Amino acid sequence: MRVLITGGAGCLGSNVIENFLPRGFEFLVIDNFATGRREVVPPVAGLSLVEGSIADASLVDRCFEDFGPDLIIHSAASYKDPGDWEEDAATNVTGSVNVAKATEKFGSCRIINFQTALCYGRPDRTPIPVDHPERPFTSYGISKTAGERYLLSSGLPVVSLRLANVTGPRLAIGPIPTFYQRLKEGKSCFCSDTRRDFLDMEDFISIMEVVMREDSPTGVFNVSTGESRSIEDVFNAVSSYLGITPEEPPPVVPPGDDDVPEVVLDPTETERLLGWKAEVGFEETIGRMLAWYDRHGISAIHSHLSEPES
């Protein structure tokens, strides 16, 4: 299978390549390296790279025409600067439109889209069912939701995975790498008074094995454990792993104006329709992530949230 993957140098995209390239899949990566890492897409057999932005329609068209993909994985996303609305709109909205138009023009094959759980905004209830109204309110959430809607309205076979906090190799966003790095450097930490669900990369790859099949159902799916964990739980897991006992517990601060108190997805319909279920528990998930940092370190930490006021 020939797979065109946008954002293939990012955390999710690179893990997909790492897991499926040895199985005989061929990949063409489009990435502008705004947050992706060049070293994770080396010049090896079966893996090609085009550097550039998916906001460039002519570049996207050329990649589709030259490569002739059997499957599209739309992993590219702009999120690192919450104030850069223009870049978020260019990548997350215009880029998604370009992917849909090129797919229609050159192949009409299946598109797998990676969507943020922030599409739901501040939910009425948790765990959040997949039919919950979409109410995004940040640049990242708004633009990703607009991009998803364009894809779903294209008439093409689209699978949109609304993802929990996927945790695994090269993760460079969120509380896990932040706590790990700051605690190792002897710096203080704080915990936002928020709750999230954390999904191990192994479980993410297992659902990709399902949705990459041509006969798998299309539509929108919540991908999560459905288990709610506080950011303080994450801090405690990281400090315990490192064997560090802070003199004072970290302060727990209210979520910022651009944050959501609880984002925990209900995977019930996904489990029913796809026959998939997350298997790796929270403690093992965090432990695997921290062991990876021990071996490989942390190159950068990004966030779609604004810096808290001091």
C-alpha atoms as a PDB file:
ATOM      1  CA  MET A   1       0.000   0.000   0.000  1.00  0.00           C
ATOM      2  CA  ARG A   2       1.213   3.485  -0.924  1.00  0.00           C
ATOM      3  CA  VAL A   3       0.422   5.977   1.838  1.00  0.00           C
ATOM      4  CA  LEU A   4       0.697   9.747   1.541  1.00  0.00           C
ATOM      5  CA  ILE A   5       1.017  11.184   5.034  1.00  0.00           C
ATOM      6  CA  THR A   6       0.872  14.881   5.852  1.00  0.00           C
ATOM      7  CA  GLY A   7       2.820  15.885   8.941  1.00  0.00           C
ATOM      8  CA  GLY A   8       4.686  12.602   8.843  1.00  0.00           C
ATOM      9  CA  ALA A   9       7.621  14.011  10.826  1.00  0.00           C
ATOM     10  CA  GLY A  10       5.417  14.704  13.857  1.00  0.00           C
ATOM     11  CA  CYS A  11       4.791  12.409  16.792  1.00  0.00           C
ATOM     12  CA  LEU A  12       1.760  10.522  15.464  1.00  0.00           C
ATOM     13  CA  GLY A  13       2.823  10.450  11.837  1.00  0.00           C
ATOM     14  CA  SER A  14       6.339   9.232  12.570  1.00  0.00           C
ATOM     15  CA  ASN A  15       5.027   6.448  14.796  1.00  0.00           C
ATOM     16  CA  VAL A  16       2.685   5.296  12.039  1.00  0.00           C
ATOM     17  CA  ILE A  17       5.608   5.179   9.607  1.00  0.00           C
ATOM     18  CA  GLU A  18       7.848   3.415  12.117  1.00  0.00           C
ATOM     19  CA  ASN A  19       5.249   0.703  12.660  1.00  0.00           C
ATOM     20  CA  PHE A  20       4.024   0.155   9.090  1.00  0.00           C
ATOM     21  CA  LEU A  21       7.139   0.703   6.955  1.00  0.00           C
ATOM     22  CA  PRO A  22       8.633  -2.672   8.019  1.00  0.00           C
ATOM     23  CA  ARG A  23       5.370  -4.347   6.911  1.00  0.00           C
ATOM     24  CA  GLY A  24       5.932  -3.333   3.294  1.00  0.00           C
ATOM     25  CA  PHE A  25       3.986  -0.065   3.188  1.00  0.00           C
ATOM     26  CA  GLU A  26       5.448   2.789   1.132  1.00  0.00           C
ATOM     27  CA  PHE A  27       5.194   6.346   2.445  1.00  0.00           C
ATOM     28  CA  LEU A  28       5.445   9.837   1.012  1.00  0.00           C
ATOM     29  CA  VAL A  29       5.708  12.472   3.748  1.00  0.00           C
ATOM     30  CA  ILE A  30       4.755  16.127   3.327  1.00  0.00           C
ATOM     31  CA  ASP A  31       6.062  18.216   6.224  1.00  0.00           C
ATOM     32  CA  ASN A  32       7.239  21.790   6.758  1.00  0.00           C
ATOM     33  CA  PHE A  33       9.075  20.895  10.020  1.00  0.00           C
ATOM     34  CA  ALA A  34       7.318  23.594  12.060  1.00  0.00           C
ATOM     35  CA  THR A  35       7.041  21.031  14.854  1.00  0.00           C
ATOM     36  CA  GLY A  36       8.183  17.805  13.183  1.00  0.00           C
ATOM     37  CA  ARG A  37      11.716  16.439  13.392  1.00  0.00           C
ATOM     38  CA  ARG A  38      13.740  15.906  10.257  1.00  0.00           C
ATOM     39  CA  GLU A  39      15.712  12.966  11.640  1.00  0.00           C
ATOM     40  CA  VAL A  40      12.579  10.796  11.953  1.00  0.00           C
ATOM     41  CA  VAL A  41      12.122  10.720   8.163  1.00  0.00           C
ATOM     42  CA  PRO A  42      15.548   9.491   7.010  1.00  0.00           C
ATOM     43  CA  PRO A  43      16.318   8.523   3.398  1.00  0.00           C
ATOM     44  CA  VAL A  44      15.473   4.823   3.612  1.00  0.00           C
ATOM     45  CA  ALA A  45      13.808   2.434   1.178  1.00  0.00           C
ATOM     46  CA  GLY A  46      10.063   2.940   0.983  1.00  0.00           C
ATOM     47  CA  LEU A  47      10.099   6.411   2.567  1.00  0.00           C
ATOM     48  CA  SER A  48      10.132   9.656   0.566  1.00  0.00           C
ATOM     49  CA  LEU A  49       9.945  13.241   1.766  1.00  0.00           C
ATOM     50  CA  VAL A  50       8.682  16.474   0.250  1.00  0.00           C
ATOM     51  CA  GLU A  51       9.419  19.520   2.391  1.00  0.00           C
ATOM     52  CA  GLY A  52       6.726  22.164   2.267  1.00  0.00           C
ATOM     53  CA  SER A  53       3.335  23.264   3.511  1.00  0.00           C
ATOM     54  CA  ILE A  54       0.028  21.605   2.700  1.00  0.00           C
ATOM     55  CA  ALA A  55      -1.349  25.156   2.421  1.00  0.00           C
ATOM     56  CA  ASP A  56       0.424  25.170  -0.975  1.00  0.00           C
ATOM     57  CA  ALA A  57      -2.178  23.589  -3.259  1.00  0.00           C
ATOM     58  CA  SER A  58       0.225  23.143  -6.181  1.00  0.00           C
ATOM     59  CA  LEU A  59       2.699  21.268  -3.972  1.00  0.00           C
ATOM     60  CA  VAL A  60      -0.059  18.991  -2.653  1.00  0.00           C
ATOM     61  CA  ASP A  61      -1.362  18.315  -6.163  1.00  0.00           C
ATOM     62  CA  ARG A  62       2.116  17.498  -7.416  1.00  0.00           C
ATOM     63  CA  CYS A  63       2.698  15.007  -4.584  1.00  0.00           C
ATOM     64  CA  PHE A  64      -0.583  13.241  -5.266  1.00  0.00           C
ATOM     65  CA  GLU A  65      -0.005  13.091  -9.002  1.00  0.00           C
ATOM     66  CA  ASP A  66       3.590  11.853  -8.741  1.00  0.00           C
ATOM     67  CA  PHE A  67       3.100   9.360  -5.891  1.00  0.00           C
ATOM     68  CA  GLY A  68      -0.337   7.920  -6.694  1.00  0.00           C
ATOM     69  CA  PRO A  69      -1.358   7.067  -3.112  1.00  0.00           C
ATOM     70  CA  ASP A  70      -3.745   4.279  -2.117  1.00  0.00           C
ATOM     71  CA  LEU A  71      -4.422   5.886   1.271  1.00  0.00           C
ATOM     72  CA  ILE A  72      -4.134   9.369   2.792  1.00  0.00           C
ATOM     73  CA  ILE A  73      -3.243   9.944   6.443  1.00  0.00           C
ATOM     74  CA  HIS A  74      -3.839  13.584   7.304  1.00  0.00           C
ATOM     75  CA  SER A  75      -1.683  14.128  10.377  1.00  0.00           C
ATOM     76  CA  ALA A  76      -0.421  17.673   9.751  1.00  0.00           C
ATOM     77  CA  ALA A  77      -1.580  20.305  12.230  1.00  0.00           C
ATOM     78  CA  SER A  78      -0.583  23.805  13.301  1.00  0.00           C
ATOM     79  CA  TYR A  79      -0.856  24.287  17.053  1.00  0.00           C
ATOM     80  CA  LYS A  80       2.343  25.653  18.584  1.00  0.00           C
ATOM     81  CA  ASP A  81       1.401  29.361  18.741  1.00  0.00           C
ATOM     82  CA  PRO A  82      -2.149  29.996  20.016  1.00  0.00           C
ATOM     83  CA  GLY A  83      -2.014  33.562  18.712  1.00  0.00           C
ATOM     84  CA  ASP A  84      -1.006  32.682  15.142  1.00  0.00           C
ATOM     85  CA  TRP A  85      -4.492  32.386  13.695  1.00  0.00           C
ATOM     86  CA  GLU A  86      -3.208  32.829  10.153  1.00  0.00           C
ATOM     87  CA  GLU A  87      -0.913  29.803  10.305  1.00  0.00           C
ATOM     88  CA  ASP A  88      -3.565  27.695  12.046  1.00  0.00           C
ATOM     89  CA  ALA A  89      -6.080  28.567   9.338  1.00  0.00           C
ATOM     90  CA  ALA A  90      -3.552  28.004   6.552  1.00  0.00           C
ATOM     91  CA  THR A  91      -2.517  24.535   7.699  1.00  0.00           C
ATOM     92  CA  ASN A  92      -5.596  23.217   9.470  1.00  0.00           C
ATOM     93  CA  VAL A  93      -8.286  24.636   7.178  1.00  0.00           C
ATOM     94  CA  THR A  94      -6.783  25.449   3.769  1.00  0.00           C
ATOM     95  CA  GLY A  95      -4.421  22.472   4.052  1.00  0.00           C
ATOM     96  CA  SER A  96      -7.335  20.126   4.711  1.00  0.00           C
ATOM     97  CA  VAL A  97      -9.225  21.577   1.742  1.00  0.00           C
ATOM     98  CA  ASN A  98      -6.171  21.023  -0.467  1.00  0.00           C
ATOM     99  CA  VAL A  99      -5.876  17.412   0.699  1.00  0.00           C
ATOM    100  CA  ALA A 100      -9.570  16.773  -0.031  1.00  0.00           C
ATOM    101  CA  LYS A 101      -9.428  18.415  -3.463  1.00  0.00           C
ATOM    102  CA  ALA A 102      -6.261  16.565  -4.457  1.00  0.00           C
ATOM    103  CA  THR A 103      -7.702  13.250  -3.273  1.00  0.00           C
ATOM    104  CA  GLU A 104     -10.814  13.861  -5.361  1.00  0.00           C
ATOM    105  CA  LYS A 105      -8.756  14.892  -8.387  1.00  0.00           C
ATOM    106  CA  PHE A 106      -6.106  12.176  -8.351  1.00  0.00           C
ATOM    107  CA  GLY A 107      -7.463   9.112  -6.606  1.00  0.00           C
ATOM    108  CA  SER A 108     -10.645   9.327  -4.500  1.00  0.00           C
ATOM    109  CA  CYS A 109      -9.089   7.010  -1.911  1.00  0.00           C
ATOM    110  CA  ARG A 110      -9.712   6.776   1.824  1.00  0.00           C
ATOM    111  CA  ILE A 111      -8.605   9.653   4.059  1.00  0.00           C
ATOM    112  CA  ILE A 112      -7.752   9.112   7.732  1.00  0.00           C
ATOM    113  CA  ASN A 113      -7.853  12.418   9.594  1.00  0.00           C
ATOM    114  CA  PHE A 114      -6.407  13.065  13.056  1.00  0.00           C
ATOM    115  CA  GLN A 115      -8.687  15.426  14.981  1.00  0.00           C
ATOM    116  CA  THR A 116      -8.323  17.104  18.356  1.00  0.00           C
ATOM    117  CA  ALA A 117     -10.744  16.357  21.195  1.00  0.00           C
ATOM    118  CA  LEU A 118     -10.899  20.140  21.660  1.00  0.00           C
ATOM    119  CA  CYS A 119     -13.473  20.167  18.872  1.00  0.00           C
ATOM    120  CA  TYR A 120     -16.057  19.636  21.637  1.00  0.00           C
ATOM    121  CA  GLY A 121     -15.086  22.813  23.471  1.00  0.00           C
ATOM    122  CA  ARG A 122     -16.253  22.847  27.085  1.00  0.00           C
ATOM    123  CA  PRO A 123     -18.469  19.765  27.165  1.00  0.00           C
ATOM    124  CA  ASP A 124     -21.855  19.434  28.824  1.00  0.00           C
ATOM    125  CA  ARG A 125     -20.864  16.041  30.232  1.00  0.00           C
ATOM    126  CA  THR A 126     -18.006  13.596  30.424  1.00  0.00           C
ATOM    127  CA  PRO A 127     -17.035  11.158  29.109  1.00  0.00           C
ATOM    128  CA  ILE A 128     -17.883  13.076  25.931  1.00  0.00           C
ATOM    129  CA  PRO A 129     -19.986  11.059  23.463  1.00  0.00           C
ATOM    130  CA  VAL A 130     -19.094  11.255  19.790  1.00  0.00           C
ATOM    131  CA  ASP A 131     -22.405  12.964  18.970  1.00  0.00           C
ATOM    132  CA  HIS A 132     -21.788  15.790  21.461  1.00  0.00           C
ATOM    133  CA  PRO A 133     -22.135  19.260  19.869  1.00  0.00           C
ATOM    134  CA  GLU A 134     -18.923  20.782  18.542  1.00  0.00           C
ATOM    135  CA  ARG A 135     -18.103  24.068  20.298  1.00  0.00           C
ATOM    136  CA  PRO A 136     -14.389  24.834  19.789  1.00  0.00           C
ATOM    137  CA  PHE A 137     -13.220  28.209  21.059  1.00  0.00           C
ATOM    138  CA  THR A 138      -9.438  28.312  20.516  1.00  0.00           C
ATOM    139  CA  SER A 139      -7.650  28.930  17.221  1.00  0.00           C
ATOM    140  CA  TYR A 140      -6.370  25.350  17.193  1.00  0.00           C
ATOM    141  CA  GLY A 141      -9.767  23.832  17.979  1.00  0.00           C
ATOM    142  CA  ILE A 142     -11.714  26.089  15.603  1.00  0.00           C
ATOM    143  CA  SER A 143      -9.369  25.553  12.667  1.00  0.00           C
ATOM    144  CA  LYS A 144      -9.073  21.792  13.170  1.00  0.00           C
ATOM    145  CA  THR A 145     -12.858  21.491  13.389  1.00  0.00           C
ATOM    146  CA  ALA A 146     -13.332  23.537  10.228  1.00  0.00           C
ATOM    147  CA  GLY A 147     -10.811  21.313   8.443  1.00  0.00           C
ATOM    148  CA  GLU A 148     -12.599  18.180   9.626  1.00  0.00           C
ATOM    149  CA  ARG A 149     -15.934  19.516   8.383  1.00  0.00           C
ATOM    150  CA  TYR A 150     -14.532  20.195   4.927  1.00  0.00           C
ATOM    151  CA  LEU A 151     -13.187  16.648   4.761  1.00  0.00           C
ATOM    152  CA  LEU A 152     -16.458  15.112   5.936  1.00  0.00           C
ATOM    153  CA  SER A 153     -18.454  17.179   3.429  1.00  0.00           C
ATOM    154  CA  SER A 154     -16.231  16.149   0.507  1.00  0.00           C
ATOM    155  CA  GLY A 155     -18.133  12.977  -0.320  1.00  0.00           C
ATOM    156  CA  LEU A 156     -14.885  11.023  -0.041  1.00  0.00           C
ATOM    157  CA  PRO A 157     -14.459   8.014   2.292  1.00  0.00           C
ATOM    158  CA  VAL A 158     -13.193   9.757   5.442  1.00  0.00           C
ATOM    159  CA  VAL A 159     -12.302   8.392   8.878  1.00  0.00           C
ATOM    160  CA  SER A 160     -11.810  11.148  11.441  1.00  0.00           C
ATOM    161  CA  LEU A 161     -10.242  10.023  14.695  1.00  0.00           C
ATOM    162  CA  ARG A 162     -10.964  12.373  17.600  1.00  0.00           C
ATOM    163  CA  LEU A 163      -8.018  11.609  19.801  1.00  0.00           C
ATOM    164  CA  ALA A 164      -7.308  11.493  23.499  1.00  0.00           C
ATOM    165  CA  ASN A 165      -3.827  12.523  24.663  1.00  0.00           C
ATOM    166  CA  VAL A 166      -1.789   9.957  22.733  1.00  0.00           C
ATOM    167  CA  THR A 167       1.393   9.134  24.623  1.00  0.00           C
ATOM    168  CA  GLY A 168       4.451   7.552  23.060  1.00  0.00           C
ATOM    169  CA  PRO A 169       7.799   8.051  21.296  1.00  0.00           C
ATOM    170  CA  ARG A 170       8.634  11.663  20.422  1.00  0.00           C
ATOM    171  CA  LEU A 171       5.740  13.164  22.393  1.00  0.00           C
ATOM    172  CA  ALA A 172       6.614  16.865  22.729  1.00  0.00           C
ATOM    173  CA  ILE A 173       3.442  18.429  24.079  1.00  0.00           C
ATOM    174  CA  GLY A 174       1.587  18.398  27.370  1.00  0.00           C
ATOM    175  CA  PRO A 175       2.274  17.743  31.045  1.00  0.00           C
ATOM    176  CA  ILE A 176       4.302  14.516  30.770  1.00  0.00           C
ATOM    177  CA  PRO A 177       7.413  15.935  29.028  1.00  0.00           C
ATOM    178  CA  THR A 178       7.009  19.223  30.922  1.00  0.00           C
ATOM    179  CA  PHE A 179       7.057  17.582  34.362  1.00  0.00           C
ATOM    180  CA  TYR A 180       9.834  15.172  33.367  1.00  0.00           C
ATOM    181  CA  GLN A 181      12.109  17.935  32.148  1.00  0.00           C
ATOM    182  CA  ARG A 182      11.425  20.408  34.948  1.00  0.00           C
ATOM    183  CA  LEU A 183      11.774  17.862  37.752  1.00  0.00           C
ATOM    184  CA  LYS A 184      15.054  16.566  36.349  1.00  0.00           C
ATOM    185  CA  GLU A 185      16.343  20.151  36.199  1.00  0.00           C
ATOM    186  CA  GLY A 186      15.277  20.810  39.799  1.00  0.00           C
ATOM    187  CA  LYS A 187      12.667  23.369  38.743  1.00  0.00           C
ATOM    188  CA  SER A 188       9.293  23.957  40.344  1.00  0.00           C
ATOM    189  CA  CYS A 189       6.069  22.758  38.760  1.00  0.00           C
ATOM    190  CA  PHE A 190       2.394  23.594  38.933  1.00  0.00           C
ATOM    191  CA  CYS A 191      -0.630  21.511  37.996  1.00  0.00           C
ATOM    192  CA  SER A 192      -3.646  22.895  36.225  1.00  0.00           C
ATOM    193  CA  ASP A 193      -6.914  21.808  37.806  1.00  0.00           C
ATOM    194  CA  THR A 194      -7.879  19.806  34.747  1.00  0.00           C
ATOM    195  CA  ARG A 195      -8.507  16.205  33.800  1.00  0.00           C
ATOM    196  CA  ARG A 196      -7.612  14.296  30.632  1.00  0.00           C
ATOM    197  CA  ASP A 197      -7.482  10.772  29.241  1.00  0.00           C
ATOM    198  CA  PHE A 198      -4.156   9.301  28.153  1.00  0.00           C
ATOM    199  CA  LEU A 199      -3.864   6.724  25.381  1.00  0.00           C
ATOM    200  CA  ASP A 200      -0.764   4.608  24.860  1.00  0.00           C
ATOM    201  CA  MET A 201       0.832   4.654  21.415  1.00  0.00           C
ATOM    202  CA  GLU A 202       0.423   0.885  21.193  1.00  0.00           C
ATOM    203  CA  ASP A 203      -3.356   1.322  21.412  1.00  0.00           C
ATOM    204  CA  PHE A 204      -3.239   4.127  18.843  1.00  0.00           C
ATOM    205  CA  ILE A 205      -1.340   1.904  16.410  1.00  0.00           C
ATOM    206  CA  SER A 206      -3.840  -0.901  16.999  1.00  0.00           C
ATOM    207  CA  ILE A 207      -6.755   1.311  15.915  1.00  0.00           C
ATOM    208  CA  MET A 208      -4.755   2.436  12.891  1.00  0.00           C
ATOM    209  CA  GLU A 209      -4.463  -1.214  11.913  1.00  0.00           C
ATOM    210  CA  VAL A 210      -8.272  -1.310  11.855  1.00  0.00           C
ATOM    211  CA  VAL A 211      -9.068   1.956  10.056  1.00  0.00           C
ATOM    212  CA  MET A 212      -6.357   1.562   7.401  1.00  0.00           C
ATOM    213  CA  ARG A 213      -8.281  -1.409   6.004  1.00  0.00           C
ATOM    214  CA  GLU A 214     -10.420  -0.569   2.971  1.00  0.00           C
ATOM    215  CA  ASP A 215     -13.414  -2.430   4.404  1.00  0.00           C
ATOM    216  CA  SER A 216     -13.334  -0.615   7.750  1.00  0.00           C
ATOM    217  CA  PRO A 217     -16.262   1.754   8.525  1.00  0.00           C
ATOM    218  CA  THR A 218     -15.900   5.447   7.763  1.00  0.00           C
ATOM    219  CA  GLY A 219     -17.123   8.336   9.924  1.00  0.00           C
ATOM    220  CA  VAL A 220     -16.120  10.033  13.163  1.00  0.00           C
ATOM    221  CA  PHE A 221     -14.716   8.058  16.105  1.00  0.00           C
ATOM    222  CA  ASN A 222     -13.588   8.931  19.624  1.00  0.00           C
ATOM    223  CA  VAL A 223     -10.271   7.215  20.356  1.00  0.00           C
ATOM    224  CA  SER A 224      -9.534   6.991  24.067  1.00  0.00           C
ATOM    225  CA  THR A 225      -9.474   4.858  27.175  1.00  0.00           C
ATOM    226  CA  GLY A 226     -12.448   6.733  28.591  1.00  0.00           C
ATOM    227  CA  GLU A 227     -10.579   7.000  31.900  1.00  0.00           C
ATOM    228  CA  SER A 228     -10.345  10.424  33.551  1.00  0.00           C
ATOM    229  CA  ARG A 229      -7.023  11.397  35.161  1.00  0.00           C
ATOM    230  CA  SER A 230      -6.019  14.674  36.793  1.00  0.00           C
ATOM    231  CA  ILE A 231      -2.880  16.563  35.837  1.00  0.00           C
ATOM    232  CA  GLU A 232      -1.854  16.078  39.466  1.00  0.00           C
ATOM    233  CA  ASP A 233      -2.057  12.312  38.830  1.00  0.00           C
ATOM    234  CA  VAL A 234       0.430  12.808  36.006  1.00  0.00           C
ATOM    235  CA  PHE A 235       2.752  14.853  38.207  1.00  0.00           C
ATOM    236  CA  ASN A 236       2.666  12.190  40.925  1.00  0.00           C
ATOM    237  CA  ALA A 237       3.413   9.443  38.394  1.00  0.00           C
ATOM    238  CA  VAL A 238       6.377  11.350  36.946  1.00  0.00           C
ATOM    239  CA  SER A 239       7.847  12.330  40.328  1.00  0.00           C
ATOM    240  CA  SER A 240       7.443   8.748  41.587  1.00  0.00           C
ATOM    241  CA  TYR A 241       9.179   7.368  38.481  1.00  0.00           C
ATOM    242  CA  LEU A 242      12.094   9.781  38.948  1.00  0.00           C
ATOM    243  CA  GLY A 243      12.286   9.088  42.676  1.00  0.00           C
ATOM    244  CA  ILE A 244      11.844  12.778  43.445  1.00  0.00           C
ATOM    245  CA  THR A 245       9.760  13.908  46.409  1.00  0.00           C
ATOM    246  CA  PRO A 246       9.173  17.677  46.250  1.00  0.00           C
ATOM    247  CA  GLU A 247       9.441  19.559  49.531  1.00  0.00           C
ATOM    248  CA  GLU A 248       6.018  21.011  48.866  1.00  0.00           C
ATOM    249  CA  PRO A 249       3.290  19.586  46.662  1.00  0.00           C
ATOM    250  CA  PRO A 250       2.903  21.533  43.428  1.00  0.00           C
ATOM    251  CA  PRO A 251       0.247  24.234  43.483  1.00  0.00           C
ATOM    252  CA  VAL A 252      -2.944  23.339  41.661  1.00  0.00           C
ATOM    253  CA  VAL A 253      -4.113  26.345  39.653  1.00  0.00           C
ATOM    254  CA  PRO A 254      -7.411  26.984  37.853  1.00  0.00           C
ATOM    255  CA  PRO A 255      -7.431  26.293  34.130  1.00  0.00           C
ATOM    256  CA  GLY A 256      -6.681  29.262  31.907  1.00  0.00           C
ATOM    257  CA  ASP A 257      -9.287  30.997  29.783  1.00  0.00           C
ATOM    258  CA  ASP A 258      -8.220  28.938  26.757  1.00  0.00           C
ATOM    259  CA  ASP A 259      -8.222  25.613  28.615  1.00  0.00           C
ATOM    260  CA  VAL A 260     -10.964  23.074  29.371  1.00  0.00           C
ATOM    261  CA  PRO A 261     -11.487  21.638  32.879  1.00  0.00           C
ATOM    262  CA  GLU A 262     -12.144  18.087  31.689  1.00  0.00           C
ATOM    263  CA  VAL A 263     -11.622  16.488  28.288  1.00  0.00           C
ATOM    264  CA  VAL A 264     -12.345  12.780  28.520  1.00  0.00           C
ATOM    265  CA  LEU A 265     -13.795  11.013  25.489  1.00  0.00           C
ATOM    266  CA  ASP A 266     -16.351   8.214  25.484  1.00  0.00           C
ATOM    267  CA  PRO A 267     -15.049   5.429  23.200  1.00  0.00           C
ATOM    268  CA  THR A 268     -18.199   3.246  23.465  1.00  0.00           C
ATOM    269  CA  GLU A 269     -19.325   3.696  19.850  1.00  0.00           C
ATOM    270  CA  THR A 270     -15.790   3.193  18.563  1.00  0.00           C
ATOM    271  CA  GLU A 271     -15.506  -0.043  20.506  1.00  0.00           C
ATOM    272  CA  ARG A 272     -18.862  -1.219  19.126  1.00  0.00           C
ATOM    273  CA  LEU A 273     -18.365  -0.258  15.486  1.00  0.00           C
ATOM    274  CA  LEU A 274     -14.654  -1.004  15.070  1.00  0.00           C
ATOM    275  CA  GLY A 275     -14.199  -3.867  17.529  1.00  0.00           C
ATOM    276  CA  TRP A 276     -11.319  -1.975  19.121  1.00  0.00           C
ATOM    277  CA  LYS A 277     -10.599  -1.253  22.769  1.00  0.00           C
ATOM    278  CA  ALA A 278      -7.686   0.401  24.568  1.00  0.00           C
ATOM    279  CA  GLU A 279      -5.698  -2.167  26.538  1.00  0.00           C
ATOM    280  CA  VAL A 280      -2.806  -0.308  28.197  1.00  0.00           C
ATOM    281  CA  GLY A 281      -3.483   1.223  31.627  1.00  0.00           C
ATOM    282  CA  PHE A 282      -2.508   4.692  32.852  1.00  0.00           C
ATOM    283  CA  GLU A 283       0.477   3.706  35.000  1.00  0.00           C
ATOM    284  CA  GLU A 284       2.013   1.572  32.260  1.00  0.00           C
ATOM    285  CA  THR A 285       1.376   4.279  29.666  1.00  0.00           C
ATOM    286  CA  ILE A 286       3.183   6.931  31.722  1.00  0.00           C
ATOM    287  CA  GLY A 287       5.997   4.534  32.616  1.00  0.00           C
ATOM    288  CA  ARG A 288       6.625   3.646  28.972  1.00  0.00           C
ATOM    289  CA  MET A 289       6.744   7.328  28.021  1.00  0.00           C
ATOM    290  CA  LEU A 290       9.216   8.229  30.760  1.00  0.00           C
ATOM    291  CA  ALA A 291      11.449   5.267  29.937  1.00  0.00           C
ATOM    292  CA  TRP A 292      11.556   6.534  26.353  1.00  0.00           C
ATOM    293  CA  TYR A 293      12.651   9.983  27.583  1.00  0.00           C
ATOM    294  CA  ASP A 294      15.366   8.299  29.640  1.00  0.00           C
ATOM    295  CA  ARG A 295      16.750   6.750  26.466  1.00  0.00           C
ATOM    296  CA  HIS A 296      16.195   9.547  23.974  1.00  0.00           C
ATOM    297  CA  GLY A 297      15.670  12.794  25.869  1.00  0.00           C
ATOM    298  CA  ILE A 298      13.335  15.654  24.979  1.00  0.00           C
ATOM    299  CA  SER A 299      14.170  17.904  22.047  1.00  0.00           C
ATOM    300  CA  ALA A 300      11.403  20.512  22.437  1.00  0.00           C
ATOM    301  CA  ILE A 301       8.092  21.059  24.170  1.00  0.00           C
ATOM    302  CA  HIS A 302       5.200  22.741  22.383  1.00  0.00           C
ATOM    303  CA  SER A 303       1.770  23.808  23.611  1.00  0.00           C
ATOM    304  CA  HIS A 304      -1.464  25.012  22.040  1.00  0.00           C
ATOM    305  CA  LEU A 305      -2.228  26.878  25.312  1.00  0.00           C
ATOM    306  CA  SER A 306      -1.225  30.417  26.205  1.00  0.00           C
ATOM    307  CA  GLU A 307       1.458  30.938  28.858  1.00  0.00           C
ATOM    308  CA  PRO A 308      -0.158  31.456  32.291  1.00  0.00           C
ATOM    309  CA  GLU A 309       0.074  34.932  33.724  1.00  0.00           C
ATOM    310  CA  SER A 310       2.625  35.232  36.540  1.00  0.00           C
END
